[in-house]
PDB file of N, CA and C in Angstrom:
ATOM      1  N   UNK A   1      58.021-103.513-269.620  1.00  0.00           N
ATOM      2  CA  UNK A   1      56.894-103.373-268.607  1.00  0.00           C
ATOM      3  C   UNK A   1      55.672-103.876-269.359  1.00  0.00           C
ATOM      4  N   UNK A   2      54.838-104.572-268.351  1.00  0.00           N
ATOM      5  CA  UNK A   2      53.777-105.161-268.793  1.00  0.00           C
ATOM      6  C   UNK A   2      52.131-104.025-268.590  1.00  0.00           C
ATOM      7  N   UNK A   3      51.550-104.149-269.430  1.00  0.00           N
ATOM      8  CA  UNK A   3      50.332-103.297-269.930  1.00  0.00           C
ATOM      9  C   UNK A   3      49.440-103.518-269.554  1.00  0.00           C
ATOM     10  N   UNK A   4      49.294-104.594-269.017  1.00  0.00           N
ATOM     11  CA  UNK A   4      47.716-105.447-268.857  1.00  0.00           C
ATOM     12  C   UNK A   4      47.399-104.705-267.285  1.00  0.00           C
ATOM     13  N   UNK A   5      48.141-104.418-266.137  1.00  0.00           N
ATOM     14  CA  UNK A   5      47.819-103.873-265.287  1.00  0.00           C
ATOM     15  C   UNK A   5      46.802-102.561-265.597  1.00  0.00           C
ATOM     16  N   UNK A   6      47.225-101.804-266.479  1.00  0.00           N
ATOM     17  CA  UNK A   6      46.810-100.185-267.096  1.00  0.00           C
ATOM     18  C   UNK A   6      45.381-100.669-267.264  1.00  0.00           C
ATOM     19  N   UNK A   7      45.224-101.906-268.501  1.00  0.00           N
ATOM     20  CA  UNK A   7      43.831-101.731-269.247  1.00  0.00           C
ATOM     21  C   UNK A   7      43.244-102.265-268.046  1.00  0.00           C
ATOM     22  N   UNK A   8      43.512-102.731-267.194  1.00  0.00           N
ATOM     23  CA  UNK A   8      42.464-103.302-266.028  1.00  0.00           C
ATOM     24  C   UNK A   8      41.865-102.259-265.555  1.00  0.00           C
ATOM     25  N   UNK A   9      42.812-101.146-265.219  1.00  0.00           N
ATOM     26  CA  UNK A   9      42.737-100.296-264.708  1.00  0.00           C
ATOM     27  C   UNK A   9      41.844 -99.108-265.184  1.00  0.00           C
ATOM     28  N   UNK A  10      41.855 -99.175-266.379  1.00  0.00           N
ATOM     29  CA  UNK A  10      40.982 -97.925-267.148  1.00  0.00           C
ATOM     30  C   UNK A  10      39.661 -98.895-267.846  1.00  0.00           C
ATOM     31  N   UNK A  11      39.494 -99.990-267.409  1.00  0.00           N
ATOM     32  CA  UNK A  11      38.537-101.093-267.870  1.00  0.00           C
ATOM     33  C   UNK A  11      37.221-100.180-266.584  1.00  0.00           C
ATOM     34  N   UNK A  12      37.896-100.791-265.634  1.00  0.00           N
ATOM     35  CA  UNK A  12      37.149-100.238-264.404  1.00  0.00           C
ATOM     36  C   UNK A  12      36.524 -99.284-264.355  1.00  0.00           C
ATOM     37  N   UNK A  13      37.820 -98.074-264.642  1.00  0.00           N
ATOM     38  CA  UNK A  13      37.665 -96.651-264.627  1.00  0.00           C
ATOM     39  C   UNK A  13      36.422 -96.160-265.417  1.00  0.00           C
ATOM     40  N   UNK A  14      36.312 -97.286-266.725  1.00  0.00           N
ATOM     41  CA  UNK A  14      35.109 -96.788-267.870  1.00  0.00           C
ATOM     42  C   UNK A  14      34.064 -97.245-266.956  1.00  0.00           C
ATOM     43  N   UNK A  15      34.161 -98.372-266.496  1.00  0.00           N
ATOM     44  CA  UNK A  15      32.862 -99.226-266.223  1.00  0.00           C
ATOM     45  C   UNK A  15      32.254 -98.503-264.974  1.00  0.00           C
ATOM     46  N   UNK A  16      33.157 -97.845-263.958  1.00  0.00           N
ATOM     47  CA  UNK A  16      32.219 -97.068-263.028  1.00  0.00           C
ATOM     48  C   UNK A  16      32.047 -95.572-263.303  1.00  0.00           C
ATOM     49  N   UNK A  17      32.690 -95.141-264.141  1.00  0.00           N
ATOM     50  CA  UNK A  17      32.226 -93.519-264.639  1.00  0.00           C
ATOM     51  C   UNK A  17      30.632 -94.544-265.396  1.00  0.00           C
ATOM     52  N   UNK A  18      30.528 -95.109-266.160  1.00  0.00           N
ATOM     53  CA  UNK A  18      29.194 -95.321-266.921  1.00  0.00           C
ATOM     54  C   UNK A  18      28.010 -96.122-266.456  1.00  0.00           C
ATOM     55  N   UNK A  19      28.683 -96.781-265.057  1.00  0.00           N
ATOM     56  CA  UNK A  19      27.254 -96.880-263.957  1.00  0.00           C
ATOM     57  C   UNK A  19      27.153 -95.989-263.685  1.00  0.00           C
ATOM     58  N   UNK A  20      28.083 -94.874-262.418  1.00  0.00           N
ATOM     59  CA  UNK A  20      27.454 -93.940-262.488  1.00  0.00           C
ATOM     60  C   UNK A  20      26.627 -93.129-263.259  1.00  0.00           C
ATOM     61  N   UNK A  21      27.366 -92.618-263.971  1.00  0.00           N
ATOM     62  CA  UNK A  21      26.198 -91.396-265.112  1.00  0.00           C
ATOM     63  C   UNK A  21      25.133 -92.673-265.696  1.00  0.00           C
ATOM     64  N   UNK A  22      24.857 -93.861-265.207  1.00  0.00           N
ATOM     65  CA  UNK A  22      23.462 -94.776-265.934  1.00  0.00           C
ATOM     66  C   UNK A  22      22.922 -94.272-264.286  1.00  0.00           C
ATOM     67  N   UNK A  23      23.106 -94.390-263.289  1.00  0.00           N
ATOM     68  CA  UNK A  23      22.450 -94.228-261.667  1.00  0.00           C
ATOM     69  C   UNK A  23      22.122 -93.054-261.851  1.00  0.00           C
ATOM     70  N   UNK A  24      22.783 -92.239-262.266  1.00  0.00           N
ATOM     71  CA  UNK A  24      22.301 -90.735-262.166  1.00  0.00           C
ATOM     72  C   UNK A  24      21.396 -90.467-263.106  1.00  0.00           C
ATOM     73  N   UNK A  25      21.092 -90.622-264.553  1.00  0.00           N
ATOM     74  CA  UNK A  25      20.107 -90.485-265.165  1.00  0.00           C
ATOM     75  C   UNK A  25      19.119 -91.145-264.785  1.00  0.00           C
ATOM     76  N   UNK A  26      18.935 -92.516-264.458  1.00  0.00           N
ATOM     77  CA  UNK A  26      17.737 -93.228-263.749  1.00  0.00           C
ATOM     78  C   UNK A  26      17.353 -92.722-262.987  1.00  0.00           C
ATOM     79  N   UNK A  27      17.792 -91.980-261.927  1.00  0.00           N
ATOM     80  CA  UNK A  27      17.442 -91.763-260.486  1.00  0.00           C
ATOM     81  C   UNK A  27      17.370 -89.985-260.379  1.00  0.00           C
ATOM     82  N   UNK A  28      17.758 -89.570-261.606  1.00  0.00           N
ATOM     83  CA  UNK A  28      17.468 -88.119-262.142  1.00  0.00           C
ATOM     84  C   UNK A  28      15.677 -87.344-261.728  1.00  0.00           C
ATOM     85  N   UNK A  29      15.076 -88.137-262.065  1.00  0.00           N
ATOM     86  CA  UNK A  29      14.119 -87.472-261.735  1.00  0.00           C
ATOM     87  C   UNK A  29      13.496 -87.127-260.653  1.00  0.00           C
ATOM     88  N   UNK A  30      13.876 -88.080-259.711  1.00  0.00           N
ATOM     89  CA  UNK A  30      13.134 -87.956-257.945  1.00  0.00           C
ATOM     90  C   UNK A  30      14.182 -86.936-257.469  1.00  0.00           C
ATOM     91  N   UNK A  31      13.522 -86.080-256.472  1.00  0.00           N
ATOM     92  CA  UNK A  31      14.364 -85.195-255.501  1.00  0.00           C
ATOM     93  C   UNK A  31      15.520 -85.682-254.909  1.00  0.00           C
ATOM     94  N   UNK A  32      16.512 -84.766-254.559  1.00  0.00           N
ATOM     95  CA  UNK A  32      17.788 -85.475-253.708  1.00  0.00           C
ATOM     96  C   UNK A  32      17.642 -85.862-252.963  1.00  0.00           C
ATOM     97  N   UNK A  33      16.860 -85.236-251.977  1.00  0.00           N
ATOM     98  CA  UNK A  33      16.977 -86.256-250.314  1.00  0.00           C
ATOM     99  C   UNK A  33      15.664 -87.150-250.611  1.00  0.00           C
ATOM    100  N   UNK A  34      15.095 -87.272-251.733  1.00  0.00           N
ATOM    101  CA  UNK A  34      14.446 -89.072-251.774  1.00  0.00           C
ATOM    102  C   UNK A  34      15.233 -89.964-252.708  1.00  0.00           C
ATOM    103  N   UNK A  35      15.672 -89.361-253.515  1.00  0.00           N
ATOM    104  CA  UNK A  35      17.002 -90.267-254.383  1.00  0.00           C
ATOM    105  C   UNK A  35      18.099 -91.236-253.043  1.00  0.00           C
ATOM    106  N   UNK A  36      18.523 -90.488-252.299  1.00  0.00           N
ATOM    107  CA  UNK A  36      19.463 -90.061-251.732  1.00  0.00           C
ATOM    108  C   UNK A  36      18.655 -91.379-250.258  1.00  0.00           C
ATOM    109  N   UNK A  37      17.707 -91.397-249.956  1.00  0.00           N
ATOM    110  CA  UNK A  37      16.909 -92.506-249.247  1.00  0.00           C
ATOM    111  C   UNK A  37      16.984 -93.755-249.895  1.00  0.00           C
ATOM    112  N   UNK A  38      16.701 -93.841-250.944  1.00  0.00           N
ATOM    113  CA  UNK A  38      16.487 -94.559-252.117  1.00  0.00           C
ATOM    114  C   UNK A  38      17.796 -95.617-252.024  1.00  0.00           C
ATOM    115  N   UNK A  39      19.052 -94.349-252.232  1.00  0.00           N
ATOM    116  CA  UNK A  39      20.091 -95.172-252.497  1.00  0.00           C
ATOM    117  C   UNK A  39      20.798 -95.572-250.806  1.00  0.00           C
ATOM    118  N   UNK A  40      20.108 -95.249-249.907  1.00  0.00           N
ATOM    119  CA  UNK A  40      20.365 -95.419-248.592  1.00  0.00           C
ATOM    120  C   UNK A  40      19.938 -97.102-247.641  1.00  0.00           C
ATOM    121  N   UNK A  41      18.662 -97.185-248.582  1.00  0.00           N
ATOM    122  CA  UNK A  41      17.786 -98.568-248.791  1.00  0.00           C
ATOM    123  C   UNK A  41      18.558 -99.253-249.028  1.00  0.00           C
ATOM    124  N   UNK A  42      18.802 -99.100-250.661  1.00  0.00           N
ATOM    125  CA  UNK A  42      18.986-100.417-251.954  1.00  0.00           C
ATOM    126  C   UNK A  42      20.952-100.409-250.823  1.00  0.00           C
ATOM    127  N   UNK A  43      21.757 -99.490-249.966  1.00  0.00           N
ATOM    128  CA  UNK A  43      22.889 -99.971-249.672  1.00  0.00           C
ATOM    129  C   UNK A  43      22.626-100.831-248.642  1.00  0.00           C
ATOM    130  N   UNK A  44      22.028-100.400-247.852  1.00  0.00           N
ATOM    131  CA  UNK A  44      21.123-101.598-246.772  1.00  0.00           C
ATOM    132  C   UNK A  44      21.352-102.890-246.841  1.00  0.00           C
ATOM    133  N   UNK A  45      20.424-103.371-247.916  1.00  0.00           N
ATOM    134  CA  UNK A  45      19.813-104.373-248.456  1.00  0.00           C
ATOM    135  C   UNK A  45      21.190-105.030-248.811  1.00  0.00           C
ATOM    136  N   UNK A  46      22.267-104.152-249.283  1.00  0.00           N
ATOM    137  CA  UNK A  46      22.940-104.995-250.314  1.00  0.00           C
ATOM    138  C   UNK A  46      24.395-105.426-248.604  1.00  0.00           C
ATOM    139  N   UNK A  47      24.037-104.462-247.956  1.00  0.00           N
ATOM    140  CA  UNK A  47      25.304-104.994-246.841  1.00  0.00           C
ATOM    141  C   UNK A  47      24.518-106.046-245.917  1.00  0.00           C
ATOM    142  N   UNK A  48      23.220-106.172-245.451  1.00  0.00           N
ATOM    143  CA  UNK A  48      22.328-107.005-245.200  1.00  0.00           C
ATOM    144  C   UNK A  48      23.076-108.594-246.048  1.00  0.00           C
ATOM    145  N   UNK A  49      22.940-108.467-247.216  1.00  0.00           N
ATOM    146  CA  UNK A  49      22.892-109.436-247.950  1.00  0.00           C
ATOM    147  C   UNK A  49      24.488-110.118-247.896  1.00  0.00           C
ATOM    148  N   UNK A  50      25.463-109.366-247.823  1.00  0.00           N
ATOM    149  CA  UNK A  50      26.675-109.630-247.904  1.00  0.00           C
ATOM    150  C   UNK A  50      26.964-110.011-246.194  1.00  0.00           C
ATOM    151  N   UNK A  51      26.520-109.527-245.743  1.00  0.00           N
ATOM    152  CA  UNK A  51      26.690-110.207-243.859  1.00  0.00           C
ATOM    153  C   UNK A  51      26.135-111.265-244.211  1.00  0.00           C
ATOM    154  N   UNK A  52      25.241-111.455-244.483  1.00  0.00           N
ATOM    155  CA  UNK A  52      24.497-112.640-244.326  1.00  0.00           C
ATOM    156  C   UNK A  52      24.985-114.000-245.440  1.00  0.00           C
ATOM    157  N   UNK A  53      25.766-113.276-246.744  1.00  0.00           N
ATOM    158  CA  UNK A  53      26.275-114.921-247.329  1.00  0.00           C
ATOM    159  C   UNK A  53      28.049-114.823-246.681  1.00  0.00           C
ATOM    160  N   UNK A  54      28.517-114.289-245.394  1.00  0.00           N
ATOM    161  CA  UNK A  54      29.847-113.680-245.119  1.00  0.00           C
ATOM    162  C   UNK A  54      29.505-115.244-244.165  1.00  0.00           C
ATOM    163  N   UNK A  55      28.456-114.689-243.221  1.00  0.00           N
ATOM    164  CA  UNK A  55      28.416-115.749-242.062  1.00  0.00           C
ATOM    165  C   UNK A  55      28.168-117.030-242.658  1.00  0.00           C
ATOM    166  N   UNK A  56      27.022-117.145-243.691  1.00  0.00           N
ATOM    167  CA  UNK A  56      27.051-118.474-244.177  1.00  0.00           C
ATOM    168  C   UNK A  56      28.562-119.160-244.607  1.00  0.00           C
ATOM    169  N   UNK A  57      29.246-118.434-245.152  1.00  0.00           N
ATOM    170  CA  UNK A  57      30.215-119.685-245.726  1.00  0.00           C
ATOM    171  C   UNK A  57      31.266-119.606-244.324  1.00  0.00           C
ATOM    172  N   UNK A  58      31.121-118.375-243.543  1.00  0.00           N
ATOM    173  CA  UNK A  58      32.485-118.721-242.583  1.00  0.00           C
ATOM    174  C   UNK A  58      31.786-119.829-241.414  1.00  0.00           C
ATOM    175  N   UNK A  59      30.918-120.535-241.357  1.00  0.00           N
ATOM    176  CA  UNK A  59      30.314-121.660-240.585  1.00  0.00           C
ATOM    177  C   UNK A  59      31.109-123.114-240.830  1.00  0.00           C
TER     178      UNK A  59
END
Protein backbone atom coordinates (compact mmCIF):
# COMPACT_ATOMS: atom_id res chain seq x y z
CA UNK A 1 0.00 0.00 0.00
CA UNK A 2 1.25 3.47 -0.87
CA UNK A 3 1.67 5.86 2.09
CA UNK A 4 2.00 8.95 -0.08
CA UNK A 5 -1.75 9.87 -0.23
CA UNK A 6 -1.89 9.88 3.58
CA UNK A 7 1.09 12.17 3.81
CA UNK A 8 -0.56 14.64 1.41
CA UNK A 9 -3.78 14.44 3.40
CA UNK A 10 -2.02 15.07 6.69
CA UNK A 11 0.03 17.92 5.20
CA UNK A 12 -3.15 19.52 3.85
CA UNK A 13 -4.95 19.04 7.13
CA UNK A 14 -2.07 20.62 9.04
CA UNK A 15 -1.90 23.52 6.60
CA UNK A 16 -5.65 24.12 6.85
CA UNK A 17 -5.62 24.02 10.63
CA UNK A 18 -2.65 26.37 10.78
CA UNK A 19 -4.20 28.79 8.32
CA UNK A 20 -7.52 28.77 10.16
CA UNK A 21 -5.84 29.32 13.50
CA UNK A 22 -3.69 32.13 12.09
CA UNK A 23 -6.65 33.92 10.54
CA UNK A 24 -8.61 33.52 13.75
CA UNK A 25 -5.85 35.08 15.82
CA UNK A 26 -5.32 37.93 13.37
CA UNK A 27 -9.01 38.77 13.13
CA UNK A 28 -9.94 38.13 16.77
CA UNK A 29 -9.70 41.76 17.97
CA UNK A 30 -12.76 42.74 15.91
CA UNK A 31 -16.34 41.92 16.83
CA UNK A 32 -17.94 38.84 15.28
CA UNK A 33 -20.19 40.85 12.97
CA UNK A 34 -17.35 43.02 11.70
CA UNK A 35 -15.12 39.99 11.16
CA UNK A 36 -17.85 38.20 9.16
CA UNK A 37 -18.35 41.27 6.97
CA UNK A 38 -14.61 41.55 6.36
CA UNK A 39 -14.34 37.88 5.39
CA UNK A 40 -17.40 38.22 3.14
CA UNK A 41 -15.79 41.16 1.31
CA UNK A 42 -12.52 39.25 0.91
CA UNK A 43 -14.36 36.16 -0.34
CA UNK A 44 -16.31 38.26 -2.85
CA UNK A 45 -13.08 39.80 -4.19
CA UNK A 46 -11.49 36.38 -4.54
CA UNK A 47 -14.60 35.04 -6.28
CA UNK A 48 -14.58 37.93 -8.73
CA UNK A 49 -10.87 37.48 -9.40
CA UNK A 50 -11.21 33.74 -10.03
CA UNK A 51 -14.25 34.33 -12.24
CA UNK A 52 -12.38 36.92 -14.31
CA UNK A 53 -9.40 34.57 -14.71
CA UNK A 54 -11.65 31.71 -15.79
CA UNK A 55 -13.38 33.91 -18.37
CA UNK A 56 -10.02 35.14 -19.62
CA UNK A 57 -8.66 31.61 -20.09
CA UNK A 58 -11.93 30.23 -21.52
CA UNK A 59 -11.82 32.68 -24.43
